[in-house]
Amino acid sequence: MNDVTPASFLEYGGILKVMPALAALFLLVAFSSMGVPGLNGFVGELLILIGAFKFSVWYGSIATIGLVLGAVYLLWMYKRVMYGDITKDENKKLKDMTSGNMLISCPLSFSLFG
């Protein structure tokens, strides 16, 4: 049985060196999930925060703390997985996105904007 623990992040260091296209797509999706302005997650998070603050300052503050902690976690995870040295020999053999993968992910990536 394969256990997924926080230590499993240690198995993926340096993926950016082997799979740069996937790392770029992953960063774009992470930014969208964080609610960066200009990406699709921003409007939803902004409306949730406005509604929470109108209902109660305490709920709005808790929602803001959750938003910040979520962004910190996503950036921390991206750094641990994508940067650093390749720690496992299996990761040196990973293949980056193929042209077919890019053909499929390009329209999906464009849907993240606006």
PDB file of N, CA and C in Angstrom:
ATOM      1  N   MET A   1       0.850  -1.184   0.000  1.00  0.00           N
ATOM      2  CA  MET A   1       0.000   0.000   0.000  1.00  0.00           C
ATOM      3  C   MET A   1       0.889   1.238   0.000  1.00  0.00           C
ATOM      4  N   ASN A   2       0.578   2.167  -0.877  1.00  0.00           N
ATOM      5  CA  ASN A   2       1.389   3.368  -1.019  1.00  0.00           C
ATOM      6  C   ASN A   2       0.745   4.501  -0.225  1.00  0.00           C
ATOM      7  N   ASP A   3       1.440   4.977   0.772  1.00  0.00           N
ATOM      8  CA  ASP A   3       0.910   6.012   1.653  1.00  0.00           C
ATOM      9  C   ASP A   3       1.278   7.389   1.111  1.00  0.00           C
ATOM     10  N   VAL A   4       0.309   8.290   1.032  1.00  0.00           N
ATOM     11  CA  VAL A   4       0.575   9.648   0.597  1.00  0.00           C
ATOM     12  C   VAL A   4       0.730  10.511   1.849  1.00  0.00           C
ATOM     13  N   THR A   5       1.936  10.939   2.092  1.00  0.00           N
ATOM     14  CA  THR A   5       2.237  11.752   3.260  1.00  0.00           C
ATOM     15  C   THR A   5       2.956  13.008   2.804  1.00  0.00           C
ATOM     16  N   PRO A   6       3.096  14.011   3.668  1.00  0.00           N
ATOM     17  CA  PRO A   6       3.875  15.185   3.282  1.00  0.00           C
ATOM     18  C   PRO A   6       5.301  14.844   2.879  1.00  0.00           C
ATOM     19  N   ALA A   7       5.836  13.736   3.341  1.00  0.00           N
ATOM     20  CA  ALA A   7       7.187  13.337   2.952  1.00  0.00           C
ATOM     21  C   ALA A   7       7.256  12.976   1.474  1.00  0.00           C
ATOM     22  N   SER A   8       6.098  12.701   0.838  1.00  0.00           N
ATOM     23  CA  SER A   8       6.109  12.355  -0.577  1.00  0.00           C
ATOM     24  C   SER A   8       6.531  13.534  -1.439  1.00  0.00           C
ATOM     25  N   PHE A   9       6.427  14.768  -0.927  1.00  0.00           N
ATOM     26  CA  PHE A   9       6.935  15.921  -1.663  1.00  0.00           C
ATOM     27  C   PHE A   9       8.431  15.786  -1.911  1.00  0.00           C
ATOM     28  N   LEU A  10       9.116  15.149  -0.999  1.00  0.00           N
ATOM     29  CA  LEU A  10      10.561  15.014  -1.113  1.00  0.00           C
ATOM     30  C   LEU A  10      10.963  14.131  -2.289  1.00  0.00           C
ATOM     31  N   GLU A  11      10.041  13.347  -2.808  1.00  0.00           N
ATOM     32  CA  GLU A  11      10.353  12.461  -3.920  1.00  0.00           C
ATOM     33  C   GLU A  11      10.333  13.174  -5.257  1.00  0.00           C
ATOM     34  N   TYR A  12       9.889  14.413  -5.314  1.00  0.00           N
ATOM     35  CA  TYR A  12       9.694  15.086  -6.587  1.00  0.00           C
ATOM     36  C   TYR A  12      10.550  16.321  -6.784  1.00  0.00           C
ATOM     37  N   GLY A  13      11.598  16.531  -6.096  1.00  0.00           N
ATOM     38  CA  GLY A  13      12.420  17.718  -6.270  1.00  0.00           C
ATOM     39  C   GLY A  13      13.022  17.799  -7.667  1.00  0.00           C
ATOM     40  N   GLY A  14      13.065  19.003  -8.238  1.00  0.00           N
ATOM     41  CA  GLY A  14      13.741  19.232  -9.505  1.00  0.00           C
ATOM     42  C   GLY A  14      12.951  18.888 -10.747  1.00  0.00           C
ATOM     43  N   ILE A  15      11.645  18.744 -10.654  1.00  0.00           N
ATOM     44  CA  ILE A  15      10.833  18.362 -11.805  1.00  0.00           C
ATOM     45  C   ILE A  15      10.893  19.425 -12.906  1.00  0.00           C
ATOM     46  N   LEU A  16      11.112  20.682 -12.553  1.00  0.00           N
ATOM     47  CA  LEU A  16      11.200  21.760 -13.532  1.00  0.00           C
ATOM     48  C   LEU A  16      12.297  21.501 -14.561  1.00  0.00           C
ATOM     49  N   LYS A  17      13.396  20.895 -14.134  1.00  0.00           N
ATOM     50  CA  LYS A  17      14.509  20.614 -15.049  1.00  0.00           C
ATOM     51  C   LYS A  17      14.142  19.568 -16.088  1.00  0.00           C
ATOM     52  N   VAL A  18      13.267  18.648 -15.730  1.00  0.00           N
ATOM     53  CA  VAL A  18      12.914  17.538 -16.613  1.00  0.00           C
ATOM     54  C   VAL A  18      11.651  17.838 -17.411  1.00  0.00           C
ATOM     55  N   MET A  19      10.713  18.548 -16.807  1.00  0.00           N
ATOM     56  CA  MET A  19       9.398  18.784 -17.426  1.00  0.00           C
ATOM     57  C   MET A  19       9.029  20.275 -17.372  1.00  0.00           C
ATOM     58  N   PRO A  20       9.716  21.126 -18.128  1.00  0.00           N
ATOM     59  CA  PRO A  20       9.447  22.571 -18.029  1.00  0.00           C
ATOM     60  C   PRO A  20       8.059  22.987 -18.515  1.00  0.00           C
ATOM     61  N   ALA A  21       7.530  22.333 -19.543  1.00  0.00           N
ATOM     62  CA  ALA A  21       6.202  22.719 -20.040  1.00  0.00           C
ATOM     63  C   ALA A  21       5.124  22.389 -19.009  1.00  0.00           C
ATOM     64  N   LEU A  22       5.214  21.231 -18.401  1.00  0.00           N
ATOM     65  CA  LEU A  22       4.247  20.859 -17.372  1.00  0.00           C
ATOM     66  C   LEU A  22       4.373  21.776 -16.163  1.00  0.00           C
ATOM     67  N   ALA A  23       5.590  22.167 -15.811  1.00  0.00           N
ATOM     68  CA  ALA A  23       5.793  23.062 -14.675  1.00  0.00           C
ATOM     69  C   ALA A  23       5.165  24.427 -14.932  1.00  0.00           C
ATOM     70  N   ALA A  24       5.266  24.917 -16.163  1.00  0.00           N
ATOM     71  CA  ALA A  24       4.659  26.213 -16.502  1.00  0.00           C
ATOM     72  C   ALA A  24       3.135  26.128 -16.434  1.00  0.00           C
ATOM     73  N   LEU A  25       2.571  25.058 -16.968  1.00  0.00           N
ATOM     74  CA  LEU A  25       1.118  24.870 -16.907  1.00  0.00           C
ATOM     75  C   LEU A  25       0.652  24.733 -15.461  1.00  0.00           C
ATOM     76  N   PHE A  26       1.406  24.008 -14.665  1.00  0.00           N
ATOM     77  CA  PHE A  26       1.062  23.813 -13.261  1.00  0.00           C
ATOM     78  C   PHE A  26       1.088  25.142 -12.506  1.00  0.00           C
ATOM     79  N   LEU A  27       2.064  25.996 -12.823  1.00  0.00           N
ATOM     80  CA  LEU A  27       2.141  27.297 -12.166  1.00  0.00           C
ATOM     81  C   LEU A  27       0.955  28.170 -12.555  1.00  0.00           C
ATOM     82  N   LEU A  28       0.556  28.137 -13.816  1.00  0.00           N
ATOM     83  CA  LEU A  28      -0.601  28.905 -14.257  1.00  0.00           C
ATOM     84  C   LEU A  28      -1.869  28.453 -13.530  1.00  0.00           C
ATOM     85  N   VAL A  29      -2.046  27.154 -13.395  1.00  0.00           N
ATOM     86  CA  VAL A  29      -3.217  26.626 -12.694  1.00  0.00           C
ATOM     87  C   VAL A  29      -3.159  26.983 -11.201  1.00  0.00           C
ATOM     88  N   ALA A  30      -1.959  26.942 -10.623  1.00  0.00           N
ATOM     89  CA  ALA A  30      -1.816  27.317  -9.209  1.00  0.00           C
ATOM     90  C   ALA A  30      -2.158  28.787  -9.006  1.00  0.00           C
ATOM     91  N   PHE A  31      -1.694  29.655  -9.910  1.00  0.00           N
ATOM     92  CA  PHE A  31      -2.034  31.075  -9.807  1.00  0.00           C
ATOM     93  C   PHE A  31      -3.538  31.288  -9.924  1.00  0.00           C
ATOM     94  N   SER A  32      -4.176  30.558 -10.825  1.00  0.00           N
ATOM     95  CA  SER A  32      -5.626  30.670 -10.970  1.00  0.00           C
ATOM     96  C   SER A  32      -6.328  30.226  -9.695  1.00  0.00           C
ATOM     97  N   SER A  33      -5.830  29.163  -9.085  1.00  0.00           N
ATOM     98  CA  SER A  33      -6.424  28.669  -7.850  1.00  0.00           C
ATOM     99  C   SER A  33      -6.233  29.651  -6.698  1.00  0.00           C
ATOM    100  N   MET A  34      -5.146  30.411  -6.729  1.00  0.00           N
ATOM    101  CA  MET A  34      -4.886  31.404  -5.685  1.00  0.00           C
ATOM    102  C   MET A  34      -5.749  32.648  -5.838  1.00  0.00           C
ATOM    103  N   GLY A  35      -6.327  32.841  -7.016  1.00  0.00           N
ATOM    104  CA  GLY A  35      -7.149  34.022  -7.235  1.00  0.00           C
ATOM    105  C   GLY A  35      -6.354  35.227  -7.676  1.00  0.00           C
ATOM    106  N   VAL A  36      -5.326  35.024  -8.469  1.00  0.00           N
ATOM    107  CA  VAL A  36      -4.527  36.135  -8.990  1.00  0.00           C
ATOM    108  C   VAL A  36      -5.392  36.949  -9.958  1.00  0.00           C
ATOM    109  N   PRO A  37      -5.377  38.284  -9.851  1.00  0.00           N
ATOM    110  CA  PRO A  37      -6.187  39.107 -10.754  1.00  0.00           C
ATOM    111  C   PRO A  37      -5.857  38.823 -12.221  1.00  0.00           C
ATOM    112  N   GLY A  38      -6.904  38.759 -13.026  1.00  0.00           N
ATOM    113  CA  GLY A  38      -6.754  38.456 -14.438  1.00  0.00           C
ATOM    114  C   GLY A  38      -7.021  37.000 -14.762  1.00  0.00           C
ATOM    115  N   LEU A  39      -7.063  36.165 -13.743  1.00  0.00           N
ATOM    116  CA  LEU A  39      -7.358  34.751 -13.936  1.00  0.00           C
ATOM    117  C   LEU A  39      -8.745  34.442 -13.371  1.00  0.00           C
ATOM    118  N   ASN A  40      -9.299  33.301 -13.749  1.00  0.00           N
ATOM    119  CA  ASN A  40     -10.702  33.032 -13.450  1.00  0.00           C
ATOM    120  C   ASN A  40     -11.012  32.851 -11.970  1.00  0.00           C
ATOM    121  N   GLY A  41     -10.071  32.514 -11.137  1.00  0.00           N
ATOM    122  CA  GLY A  41     -10.347  32.344  -9.720  1.00  0.00           C
ATOM    123  C   GLY A  41     -10.526  33.652  -8.970  1.00  0.00           C
ATOM    124  N   PHE A  42     -10.081  34.752  -9.560  1.00  0.00           N
ATOM    125  CA  PHE A  42     -10.107  36.036  -8.865  1.00  0.00           C
ATOM    126  C   PHE A  42     -11.527  36.505  -8.582  1.00  0.00           C
ATOM    127  N   VAL A  43     -12.387  36.453  -9.571  1.00  0.00           N
ATOM    128  CA  VAL A  43     -13.746  36.982  -9.412  1.00  0.00           C
ATOM    129  C   VAL A  43     -14.498  36.221  -8.320  1.00  0.00           C
ATOM    130  N   GLY A  44     -14.397  34.903  -8.333  1.00  0.00           N
ATOM    131  CA  GLY A  44     -15.084  34.106  -7.325  1.00  0.00           C
ATOM    132  C   GLY A  44     -14.582  34.404  -5.920  1.00  0.00           C
ATOM    133  N   GLU A  45     -13.267  34.468  -5.760  1.00  0.00           N
ATOM    134  CA  GLU A  45     -12.729  34.740  -4.425  1.00  0.00           C
ATOM    135  C   GLU A  45     -13.059  36.153  -3.966  1.00  0.00           C
ATOM    136  N   LEU A  46     -13.037  37.102  -4.880  1.00  0.00           N
ATOM    137  CA  LEU A  46     -13.386  38.475  -4.518  1.00  0.00           C
ATOM    138  C   LEU A  46     -14.834  38.564  -4.055  1.00  0.00           C
ATOM    139  N   LEU A  47     -15.753  37.926  -4.783  1.00  0.00           N
ATOM    140  CA  LEU A  47     -17.164  37.968  -4.400  1.00  0.00           C
ATOM    141  C   LEU A  47     -17.415  37.261  -3.070  1.00  0.00           C
ATOM    142  N   ILE A  48     -16.709  36.168  -2.839  1.00  0.00           N
ATOM    143  CA  ILE A  48     -16.846  35.473  -1.555  1.00  0.00           C
ATOM    144  C   ILE A  48     -16.365  36.356  -0.410  1.00  0.00           C
ATOM    145  N   LEU A  49     -15.229  37.021  -0.599  1.00  0.00           N
ATOM    146  CA  LEU A  49     -14.705  37.898   0.458  1.00  0.00           C
ATOM    147  C   LEU A  49     -15.631  39.089   0.704  1.00  0.00           C
ATOM    148  N   ILE A  50     -16.149  39.683  -0.359  1.00  0.00           N
ATOM    149  CA  ILE A  50     -17.072  40.818  -0.188  1.00  0.00           C
ATOM    150  C   ILE A  50     -18.312  40.374   0.584  1.00  0.00           C
ATOM    151  N   GLY A  51     -18.875  39.222   0.203  1.00  0.00           N
ATOM    152  CA  GLY A  51     -20.053  38.715   0.900  1.00  0.00           C
ATOM    153  C   GLY A  51     -19.770  38.363   2.349  1.00  0.00           C
ATOM    154  N   ALA A  52     -18.600  37.777   2.604  1.00  0.00           N
ATOM    155  CA  ALA A  52     -18.247  37.408   3.977  1.00  0.00           C
ATOM    156  C   ALA A  52     -18.061  38.656   4.841  1.00  0.00           C
ATOM    157  N   PHE A  53     -17.419  39.691   4.293  1.00  0.00           N
ATOM    158  CA  PHE A  53     -17.223  40.912   5.070  1.00  0.00           C
ATOM    159  C   PHE A  53     -18.534  41.666   5.289  1.00  0.00           C
ATOM    160  N   LYS A  54     -19.454  41.585   4.329  1.00  0.00           N
ATOM    161  CA  LYS A  54     -20.754  42.242   4.525  1.00  0.00           C
ATOM    162  C   LYS A  54     -21.570  41.532   5.598  1.00  0.00           C
ATOM    163  N   PHE A  55     -21.416  40.210   5.674  1.00  0.00           N
ATOM    164  CA  PHE A  55     -22.143  39.447   6.685  1.00  0.00           C
ATOM    165  C   PHE A  55     -21.535  39.663   8.061  1.00  0.00           C
ATOM    166  N   SER A  56     -20.211  39.543   8.158  1.00  0.00           N
ATOM    167  CA  SER A  56     -19.531  39.706   9.437  1.00  0.00           C
ATOM    168  C   SER A  56     -18.050  39.948   9.182  1.00  0.00           C
ATOM    169  N   VAL A  57     -17.501  40.891   9.919  1.00  0.00           N
ATOM    170  CA  VAL A  57     -16.073  41.172   9.784  1.00  0.00           C
ATOM    171  C   VAL A  57     -15.251  39.955  10.219  1.00  0.00           C
ATOM    172  N   TRP A  58     -15.728  39.229  11.202  1.00  0.00           N
ATOM    173  CA  TRP A  58     -15.005  38.047  11.678  1.00  0.00           C
ATOM    174  C   TRP A  58     -14.956  36.960  10.607  1.00  0.00           C
ATOM    175  N   TYR A  59     -16.095  36.713   9.955  1.00  0.00           N
ATOM    176  CA  TYR A  59     -16.111  35.710   8.886  1.00  0.00           C
ATOM    177  C   TYR A  59     -15.244  36.154   7.709  1.00  0.00           C
ATOM    178  N   GLY A  60     -15.282  37.422   7.411  1.00  0.00           N
ATOM    179  CA  GLY A  60     -14.433  37.950   6.342  1.00  0.00           C
ATOM    180  C   GLY A  60     -12.960  37.804   6.666  1.00  0.00           C
ATOM    181  N   SER A  61     -12.617  38.036   7.926  1.00  0.00           N
ATOM    182  CA  SER A  61     -11.221  37.889   8.348  1.00  0.00           C
ATOM    183  C   SER A  61     -10.774  36.429   8.278  1.00  0.00           C
ATOM    184  N   ILE A  62     -11.633  35.525   8.704  1.00  0.00           N
ATOM    185  CA  ILE A  62     -11.308  34.096   8.634  1.00  0.00           C
ATOM    186  C   ILE A  62     -11.157  33.657   7.181  1.00  0.00           C
ATOM    187  N   ALA A  63     -12.041  34.139   6.308  1.00  0.00           N
ATOM    188  CA  ALA A  63     -11.944  33.804   4.885  1.00  0.00           C
ATOM    189  C   ALA A  63     -10.655  34.353   4.277  1.00  0.00           C
ATOM    190  N   THR A  64     -10.257  35.552   4.677  1.00  0.00           N
ATOM    191  CA  THR A  64      -9.020  36.140   4.176  1.00  0.00           C
ATOM    192  C   THR A  64      -7.810  35.347   4.649  1.00  0.00           C
ATOM    193  N   ILE A  65      -7.816  34.941   5.906  1.00  0.00           N
ATOM    194  CA  ILE A  65      -6.714  34.119   6.424  1.00  0.00           C
ATOM    195  C   ILE A  65      -6.644  32.800   5.662  1.00  0.00           C
ATOM    196  N   GLY A  66      -7.796  32.192   5.398  1.00  0.00           N
ATOM    197  CA  GLY A  66      -7.816  30.952   4.625  1.00  0.00           C
ATOM    198  C   GLY A  66      -7.281  31.145   3.217  1.00  0.00           C
ATOM    199  N   LEU A  67      -7.625  32.256   2.598  1.00  0.00           N
ATOM    200  CA  LEU A  67      -7.129  32.573   1.260  1.00  0.00           C
ATOM    201  C   LEU A  67      -5.608  32.711   1.251  1.00  0.00           C
ATOM    202  N   VAL A  68      -5.080  33.425   2.220  1.00  0.00           N
ATOM    203  CA  VAL A  68      -3.629  33.621   2.305  1.00  0.00           C
ATOM    204  C   VAL A  68      -2.916  32.307   2.601  1.00  0.00           C
ATOM    205  N   LEU A  69      -3.451  31.518   3.533  1.00  0.00           N
ATOM    206  CA  LEU A  69      -2.817  30.232   3.850  1.00  0.00           C
ATOM    207  C   LEU A  69      -2.860  29.273   2.659  1.00  0.00           C
ATOM    208  N   GLY A  70      -3.947  29.309   1.896  1.00  0.00           N
ATOM    209  CA  GLY A  70      -4.029  28.477   0.699  1.00  0.00           C
ATOM    210  C   GLY A  70      -2.994  28.870  -0.334  1.00  0.00           C
ATOM    211  N   ALA A  71      -2.787  30.165  -0.529  1.00  0.00           N
ATOM    212  CA  ALA A  71      -1.779  30.642  -1.475  1.00  0.00           C
ATOM    213  C   ALA A  71      -0.373  30.278  -1.002  1.00  0.00           C
ATOM    214  N   VAL A  72      -0.122  30.417   0.287  1.00  0.00           N
ATOM    215  CA  VAL A  72       1.187  30.054   0.831  1.00  0.00           C
ATOM    216  C   VAL A  72       1.454  28.564   0.625  1.00  0.00           C
ATOM    217  N   TYR A  73       0.445  27.737   0.869  1.00  0.00           N
ATOM    218  CA  TYR A  73       0.612  26.296   0.688  1.00  0.00           C
ATOM    219  C   TYR A  73       0.891  25.953  -0.774  1.00  0.00           C
ATOM    220  N   LEU A  74       0.146  26.558  -1.700  1.00  0.00           N
ATOM    221  CA  LEU A  74       0.361  26.265  -3.115  1.00  0.00           C
ATOM    222  C   LEU A  74       1.769  26.653  -3.562  1.00  0.00           C
ATOM    223  N   LEU A  75       2.236  27.821  -3.141  1.00  0.00           N
ATOM    224  CA  LEU A  75       3.585  28.251  -3.520  1.00  0.00           C
ATOM    225  C   LEU A  75       4.656  27.392  -2.859  1.00  0.00           C
ATOM    226  N   TRP A  76       4.435  27.010  -1.618  1.00  0.00           N
ATOM    227  CA  TRP A  76       5.385  26.140  -0.910  1.00  0.00           C
ATOM    228  C   TRP A  76       5.473  24.786  -1.604  1.00  0.00           C
ATOM    229  N   MET A  77       4.320  24.243  -1.979  1.00  0.00           N
ATOM    230  CA  MET A  77       4.298  22.954  -2.659  1.00  0.00           C
ATOM    231  C   MET A  77       4.950  23.048  -4.028  1.00  0.00           C
ATOM    232  N   TYR A  78       4.692  24.118  -4.766  1.00  0.00           N
ATOM    233  CA  TYR A  78       5.302  24.286  -6.089  1.00  0.00           C
ATOM    234  C   TYR A  78       6.825  24.341  -5.967  1.00  0.00           C
ATOM    235  N   LYS A  79       7.299  25.084  -4.987  1.00  0.00           N
ATOM    236  CA  LYS A  79       8.750  25.189  -4.788  1.00  0.00           C
ATOM    237  C   LYS A  79       9.350  23.827  -4.455  1.00  0.00           C
ATOM    238  N   ARG A  80       8.711  23.083  -3.586  1.00  0.00           N
ATOM    239  CA  ARG A  80       9.249  21.784  -3.180  1.00  0.00           C
ATOM    240  C   ARG A  80       9.263  20.776  -4.317  1.00  0.00           C
ATOM    241  N   VAL A  81       8.238  20.816  -5.164  1.00  0.00           N
ATOM    242  CA  VAL A  81       8.119  19.823  -6.230  1.00  0.00           C
ATOM    243  C   VAL A  81       8.932  20.216  -7.456  1.00  0.00           C
ATOM    244  N   MET A  82       8.929  21.474  -7.829  1.00  0.00           N
ATOM    245  CA  MET A  82       9.506  21.880  -9.105  1.00  0.00           C
ATOM    246  C   MET A  82      10.973  22.301  -9.027  1.00  0.00           C
ATOM    247  N   TYR A  83      11.385  22.894  -7.928  1.00  0.00           N
ATOM    248  CA  TYR A  83      12.758  23.392  -7.837  1.00  0.00           C
ATOM    249  C   TYR A  83      13.633  22.452  -7.034  1.00  0.00           C
ATOM    250  N   GLY A  84      14.897  22.763  -6.990  1.00  0.00           N
ATOM    251  CA  GLY A  84      15.849  21.970  -6.227  1.00  0.00           C
ATOM    252  C   GLY A  84      16.523  20.918  -7.082  1.00  0.00           C
ATOM    253  N   ASP A  85      17.187  20.018  -6.437  1.00  0.00           N
ATOM    254  CA  ASP A  85      17.889  18.937  -7.121  1.00  0.00           C
ATOM    255  C   ASP A  85      16.951  17.762  -7.330  1.00  0.00           C
ATOM    256  N   ILE A  86      17.203  17.023  -8.386  1.00  0.00           N
ATOM    257  CA  ILE A  86      16.438  15.801  -8.634  1.00  0.00           C
ATOM    258  C   ILE A  86      16.933  14.760  -7.639  1.00  0.00           C
ATOM    259  N   THR A  87      16.051  14.346  -6.758  1.00  0.00           N
ATOM    260  CA  THR A  87      16.449  13.455  -5.674  1.00  0.00           C
ATOM    261  C   THR A  87      16.272  11.982  -6.007  1.00  0.00           C
ATOM    262  N   LYS A  88      15.426  11.667  -6.956  1.00  0.00           N
ATOM    263  CA  LYS A  88      15.170  10.272  -7.330  1.00  0.00           C
ATOM    264  C   LYS A  88      15.609  10.050  -8.774  1.00  0.00           C
ATOM    265  N   ASP A  89      16.283   8.945  -9.020  1.00  0.00           N
ATOM    266  CA  ASP A  89      16.736   8.630 -10.377  1.00  0.00           C
ATOM    267  C   ASP A  89      15.570   8.409 -11.332  1.00  0.00           C
ATOM    268  N   GLU A  90      14.436   7.922 -10.821  1.00  0.00           N
ATOM    269  CA  GLU A  90      13.270   7.706 -11.671  1.00  0.00           C
ATOM    270  C   GLU A  90      12.765   9.019 -12.273  1.00  0.00           C
ATOM    271  N   ASN A  91      12.941  10.115 -11.542  1.00  0.00           N
ATOM    272  CA  ASN A  91      12.447  11.405 -12.010  1.00  0.00           C
ATOM    273  C   ASN A  91      13.262  11.947 -13.181  1.00  0.00           C
ATOM    274  N   LYS A  92      14.495  11.497 -13.339  1.00  0.00           N
ATOM    275  CA  LYS A  92      15.314  11.937 -14.471  1.00  0.00           C
ATOM    276  C   LYS A  92      14.788  11.365 -15.784  1.00  0.00           C
ATOM    277  N   LYS A  93      13.996  10.305 -15.719  1.00  0.00           N
ATOM    278  CA  LYS A  93      13.480   9.647 -16.913  1.00  0.00           C
ATOM    279  C   LYS A  93      12.079  10.119 -17.292  1.00  0.00           C
ATOM    280  N   LEU A  94      11.505  11.024 -16.527  1.00  0.00           N
ATOM    281  CA  LEU A  94      10.161  11.502 -16.825  1.00  0.00           C
ATOM    282  C   LEU A  94      10.157  12.271 -18.145  1.00  0.00           C
ATOM    283  N   LYS A  95       9.070  12.149 -18.886  1.00  0.00           N
ATOM    284  CA  LYS A  95       8.949  12.843 -20.164  1.00  0.00           C
ATOM    285  C   LYS A  95       8.026  14.035 -20.005  1.00  0.00           C
ATOM    286  N   ASP A  96       8.407  15.130 -20.682  1.00  0.00           N
ATOM    287  CA  ASP A  96       7.597  16.338 -20.630  1.00  0.00           C
ATOM    288  C   ASP A  96       6.338  16.155 -21.484  1.00  0.00           C
ATOM    289  N   MET A  97       5.508  17.154 -21.498  1.00  0.00           N
ATOM    290  CA  MET A  97       4.264  17.091 -22.256  1.00  0.00           C
ATOM    291  C   MET A  97       4.557  16.878 -23.744  1.00  0.00           C
ATOM    292  N   THR A  98       3.786  16.020 -24.363  1.00  0.00           N
ATOM    293  CA  THR A  98       3.921  15.799 -25.796  1.00  0.00           C
ATOM    294  C   THR A  98       3.130  16.862 -26.547  1.00  0.00           C
ATOM    295  N   SER A  99       3.268  16.877 -27.857  1.00  0.00           N
ATOM    296  CA  SER A  99       2.525  17.856 -28.644  1.00  0.00           C
ATOM    297  C   SER A  99       1.022  17.625 -28.526  1.00  0.00           C
ATOM    298  N   GLY A 100       0.609  16.378 -28.389  1.00  0.00           N
ATOM    299  CA  GLY A 100      -0.814  16.091 -28.185  1.00  0.00           C
ATOM    300  C   GLY A 100      -1.318  16.627 -26.859  1.00  0.00           C
ATOM    301  N   ASN A 101      -0.502  16.473 -25.799  1.00  0.00           N
ATOM    302  CA  ASN A 101      -0.878  17.036 -24.501  1.00  0.00           C
ATOM    303  C   ASN A 101      -0.994  18.550 -24.574  1.00  0.00           C
ATOM    304  N   MET A 102      -0.053  19.187 -25.276  1.00  0.00           N
ATOM    305  CA  MET A 102      -0.085  20.647 -25.399  1.00  0.00           C
ATOM    306  C   MET A 102      -1.282  21.102 -26.223  1.00  0.00           C
ATOM    307  N   LEU A 103      -1.626  20.330 -27.259  1.00  0.00           N
ATOM    308  CA  LEU A 103      -2.779  20.666 -28.091  1.00  0.00           C
ATOM    309  C   LEU A 103      -4.063  20.656 -27.262  1.00  0.00           C
ATOM    310  N   ILE A 104      -4.165  19.727 -26.348  1.00  0.00           N
ATOM    311  CA  ILE A 104      -5.343  19.645 -25.492  1.00  0.00           C
ATOM    312  C   ILE A 104      -5.312  20.714 -24.398  1.00  0.00           C
ATOM    313  N   SER A 105      -4.133  20.971 -23.835  1.00  0.00           N
ATOM    314  CA  SER A 105      -4.066  21.881 -22.694  1.00  0.00           C
ATOM    315  C   SER A 105      -4.077  23.355 -23.081  1.00  0.00           C
ATOM    316  N   CYS A 106      -3.772  23.701 -24.325  1.00  0.00           N
ATOM    317  CA  CYS A 106      -3.793  25.108 -24.723  1.00  0.00           C
ATOM    318  C   CYS A 106      -5.183  25.731 -24.614  1.00  0.00           C
ATOM    319  N   PRO A 107      -6.235  25.132 -25.189  1.00  0.00           N
ATOM    320  CA  PRO A 107      -7.559  25.734 -25.008  1.00  0.00           C
ATOM    321  C   PRO A 107      -7.997  25.767 -23.548  1.00  0.00           C
ATOM    322  N   LEU A 108      -7.618  24.745 -22.803  1.00  0.00           N
ATOM    323  CA  LEU A 108      -7.965  24.740 -21.379  1.00  0.00           C
ATOM    324  C   LEU A 108      -7.228  25.854 -20.643  1.00  0.00           C
ATOM    325  N   SER A 109      -5.990  26.110 -21.031  1.00  0.00           N
ATOM    326  CA  SER A 109      -5.214  27.183 -20.405  1.00  0.00           C
ATOM    327  C   SER A 109      -5.815  28.543 -20.707  1.00  0.00           C
ATOM    328  N   PHE A 110      -6.278  28.734 -21.936  1.00  0.00           N
ATOM    329  CA  PHE A 110      -6.900  30.009 -22.292  1.00  0.00           C
ATOM    330  C   PHE A 110      -8.180  30.247 -21.506  1.00  0.00           C
ATOM    331  N   SER A 111      -8.836  29.171 -21.102  1.00  0.00           N
ATOM    332  CA  SER A 111     -10.069  29.350 -20.323  1.00  0.00           C
ATOM    333  C   SER A 111      -9.784  29.836 -18.904  1.00  0.00           C
ATOM    334  N   LEU A 112      -8.528  29.812 -18.476  1.00  0.00           N
ATOM    335  CA  LEU A 112      -8.170  30.304 -17.153  1.00  0.00           C
ATOM    336  C   LEU A 112      -8.110  31.824 -17.099  1.00  0.00           C
ATOM    337  N   PHE A 113      -8.048  32.476 -18.250  1.00  0.00           N
ATOM    338  CA  PHE A 113      -7.935  33.937 -18.277  1.00  0.00           C
ATOM    339  C   PHE A 113      -9.305  34.577 -18.339  1.00  0.00           C
ATOM    340  N   GLY A 114      -9.412  35.705 -17.615  1.00  0.00           N
ATOM    341  CA  GLY A 114     -10.603  36.531 -17.717  1.00  0.00           C
ATOM    342  C   GLY A 114     -11.735  36.017 -16.954  1.00  0.00           C
TER     343      GLY A 114
END
